[in-house]
Protein backbone atom coordinates (compact mmCIF):
# COMPACT_ATOMS: atom_id res chain seq x y z
CA UNK A 1 28.42 0.47 17.63
CA UNK A 2 25.47 1.42 15.63
CA UNK A 3 23.31 0.00 18.01
CA UNK A 4 23.82 1.49 21.78
CA UNK A 5 22.60 -0.81 24.19
CA UNK A 6 20.66 1.52 26.36
CA UNK A 7 18.83 2.91 23.39
CA UNK A 8 18.37 -1.00 21.46
CA UNK A 9 14.87 -1.57 20.52
CA UNK A 10 13.06 -3.98 18.26
CA UNK A 11 10.78 -3.12 15.72
CA UNK A 12 7.96 -6.21 14.37
CA UNK A 13 5.68 -5.97 12.49
CA UNK A 14 3.69 -8.32 9.60
CA UNK A 15 3.27 -7.53 5.81
CA UNK A 16 0.80 -8.95 3.68
CA UNK A 17 -0.50 -8.66 -0.15
CA UNK A 18 -3.81 -7.04 -1.06
CA UNK A 19 -6.09 -10.23 -0.84
CA UNK A 20 -4.43 -10.74 2.89
CA UNK A 21 -1.96 -13.23 2.03
CA UNK A 22 1.09 -13.21 3.79
CA UNK A 23 4.33 -11.60 2.10
CA UNK A 24 7.96 -12.79 2.23
CA UNK A 25 11.16 -11.33 1.15
CA UNK A 26 9.84 -7.78 1.45
CA UNK A 27 12.68 -5.27 2.13
CA UNK A 28 12.48 -3.42 5.52
CA UNK A 29 14.57 -0.39 6.33
CA UNK A 30 14.80 3.01 8.32
CA UNK A 31 14.00 6.39 6.21
CA UNK A 32 17.04 8.27 6.20
CA UNK A 33 18.91 5.41 8.89
CA UNK A 34 21.11 3.21 6.65
CA UNK A 35 23.38 2.68 8.87
CA UNK A 36 20.61 -0.05 10.74
CA UNK A 37 21.00 -1.87 7.48
CA UNK A 38 18.02 -3.87 6.34
CA UNK A 39 15.92 -6.61 6.98
CA UNK A 40 13.68 -9.07 5.27
CA UNK A 41 9.98 -10.47 5.66
CA UNK A 42 10.33 -14.19 6.32
CA UNK A 43 7.93 -16.98 5.13
CA UNK A 44 5.04 -16.11 7.93
CA UNK A 45 5.05 -12.41 6.54
CA UNK A 46 6.84 -11.52 9.89
CA UNK A 47 10.04 -9.16 10.32
CA UNK A 48 12.01 -8.07 13.28
CA UNK A 49 14.32 -5.10 13.07
CA UNK A 50 17.06 -3.66 16.03
CA UNK A 51 17.37 -0.08 16.20
CA UNK A 52 17.94 2.76 18.33
CA UNK A 53 14.83 3.41 20.35
CA UNK A 54 13.77 6.68 21.65
CA UNK A 55 12.01 8.17 18.89
CA UNK A 56 9.14 8.38 16.15
CA UNK A 57 11.26 6.22 13.12
CA UNK A 58 9.83 5.87 9.61
CA UNK A 59 9.97 2.09 8.32
CA UNK A 60 9.87 1.45 4.46
CA UNK A 61 8.68 -1.85 3.03
CA UNK A 62 9.84 -2.62 -0.75
CA UNK A 63 9.44 -5.78 -2.79
CA UNK A 64 9.48 -6.29 -6.64
CA UNK A 65 6.33 -5.83 -8.53
CA UNK A 66 4.71 -3.92 -5.52
CA UNK A 67 3.68 -0.34 -4.78
CA UNK A 68 6.22 1.04 -1.52
CA UNK A 69 4.48 1.66 1.60
CA UNK A 70 5.68 3.78 4.78
CA UNK A 71 4.80 3.58 8.44
CA UNK A 72 5.86 5.87 11.07
CA UNK A 73 6.36 3.88 15.46
CA UNK A 74 7.45 5.57 18.21
CA UNK A 75 10.49 2.84 19.07
CA UNK A 76 11.06 2.52 23.12
CA UNK A 77 14.38 2.23 24.72
CA UNK A 78 15.17 -1.41 25.60
CA UNK A 79 12.27 -2.84 24.67
CA UNK A 80 10.10 -3.64 21.43
CA UNK A 81 7.14 -2.38 19.26
CA UNK A 82 4.70 -3.41 16.99
CA UNK A 83 4.50 -1.78 13.72
CA UNK A 84 1.25 -1.14 11.88
CA UNK A 85 0.57 -4.41 9.72
CA UNK A 86 0.32 -3.41 6.14
CA UNK A 87 -0.38 -4.40 2.80
CA UNK A 88 1.37 -3.90 -0.50
CA UNK A 89 -0.01 -4.04 -3.77
CA UNK A 90 0.53 -4.89 -6.80
CA UNK A 91 1.81 -2.87 -9.96
CA UNK A 92 -0.96 -2.81 -12.25
CA UNK A 93 -0.47 -5.49 -15.06
CA UNK A 94 -2.03 -2.49 -17.84
CA UNK A 95 0.66 -0.43 -19.02
CA UNK A 96 -0.22 2.66 -21.32
CA UNK A 97 2.34 4.29 -23.53
CA UNK A 98 2.28 8.04 -24.06
CA UNK A 99 4.68 9.35 -27.00
CA UNK A 100 4.87 13.08 -26.03
CA UNK A 101 7.00 14.12 -29.61
CA UNK A 102 4.58 16.18 -31.84
CA UNK A 103 1.45 15.06 -29.90
CA UNK A 104 -1.49 16.85 -31.21
CA UNK A 105 -4.67 15.29 -28.91
CA UNK A 106 -4.58 14.71 -25.31
CA UNK A 107 -3.15 11.27 -24.55
CA UNK A 108 -5.03 8.89 -21.92
CA UNK A 109 -3.24 6.38 -19.92
CA UNK A 110 -5.86 3.87 -17.75
CA UNK A 111 -5.55 1.50 -15.12
CA UNK A 112 -7.46 -1.92 -14.74
CA UNK A 113 -10.69 -1.13 -13.60
CA UNK A 114 -10.87 -1.62 -9.96
CA UNK A 115 -14.12 -3.37 -8.81
CA UNK A 116 -14.95 -3.59 -4.82
CA UNK A 117 -17.43 -2.37 -2.20
CA UNK A 118 -17.11 1.33 -3.32
CA UNK A 119 -18.22 0.38 -7.06
CA UNK A 120 -16.12 0.20 -10.43
CA UNK A 121 -13.48 2.72 -11.24
CA UNK A 122 -10.46 3.23 -13.45
CA UNK A 123 -7.47 5.71 -12.72
CA UNK A 124 -7.21 7.72 -15.55
CA UNK A 125 -4.07 10.61 -16.52
CA UNK A 126 -4.20 13.13 -19.29
CA UNK A 127 -1.56 14.08 -20.80
CA UNK A 128 -2.06 17.53 -22.80
CA UNK A 129 -0.44 18.43 -26.19
CA UNK A 130 2.84 20.14 -25.16
CA UNK A 131 3.89 18.08 -22.06
CA UNK A 132 7.46 17.03 -21.60
CA UNK A 133 9.03 14.97 -19.13
CA UNK A 134 12.70 14.89 -17.87
CA UNK A 135 14.11 12.49 -15.48
CA UNK A 136 15.71 13.56 -12.05
CA UNK A 137 18.24 11.54 -10.65
CA UNK A 138 18.52 10.75 -6.88
CA UNK A 139 21.34 13.20 -6.58
CA UNK A 140 19.19 15.95 -8.60
CA UNK A 141 20.90 16.15 -11.06
CA UNK A 142 18.44 16.04 -14.88
CA UNK A 143 19.20 13.37 -16.96
CA UNK A 144 17.67 12.43 -20.35
CA UNK A 145 14.30 13.67 -21.61
CA UNK A 146 12.06 10.78 -21.53
CA UNK A 147 9.58 9.86 -24.39
CA UNK A 148 7.98 7.67 -25.00
CA UNK A 149 6.40 7.19 -21.77
CA UNK A 150 5.28 4.03 -20.30
CA UNK A 151 2.00 4.68 -17.30
CA UNK A 152 1.25 2.47 -14.60
CA UNK A 153 -1.84 3.66 -13.11
CA UNK A 154 -2.18 1.52 -9.91
CA UNK A 155 -4.82 2.24 -7.34
CA UNK A 156 -3.24 1.77 -3.32
CA UNK A 157 -7.15 1.90 -1.50
CA UNK A 158 -8.91 -1.80 -3.17
CA UNK A 159 -10.52 -3.56 -1.33
CA UNK A 160 -10.71 -4.39 2.47
CA UNK A 161 -7.00 -4.02 2.72
CA UNK A 162 -7.10 -0.83 1.53
CA UNK A 163 -6.17 1.34 4.52
CA UNK A 164 -3.54 -1.28 5.35
CA UNK A 165 -2.28 -0.49 1.75
CA UNK A 166 -1.55 2.93 1.64
CA UNK A 167 1.39 4.58 1.07
CA UNK A 168 1.65 6.27 4.51
CA UNK A 169 -0.56 6.91 7.53
CA UNK A 170 -3.63 9.40 6.54
CA UNK A 171 -4.28 12.08 8.71
CA UNK A 172 -7.25 11.64 11.30
CA UNK A 173 -10.02 13.77 9.77
CA UNK A 174 -9.47 11.78 5.69
């Protein structure tokens, strides 16, 4: 009863990795619509997801070890639509440990140096003395103080697949 026959639509899409190779096993869901369940990308990186059409929907792409991605698509009634192709980025393998307890100096967390046509760069985060961290759970309750922190600074925009790998679509002026 979730899919209404007069509004039924299918969203199709393809997911690759940063290197352009297809990614299977990516979980594809609709943001805010758990009732539609989920689908997985196949061995060819493709997926199909049945929904109720008639408006804009936000697809969420998740796979363990990769940065998540979202894309919006306008799903028509009784038809199918192609979602924009996405490229998922592996989490940076570099993990920096930052100890916030009694820190007296600025601490630095860095990702791996990235190289592409835009040159060399390295994601860098600075933690000033006195910085604290607490975990906020999905129900908005605050959990325990988090320390030490284990930081991965992963860049979305590396290489030719950078625009396809952004966490969401960028504004036209960017």
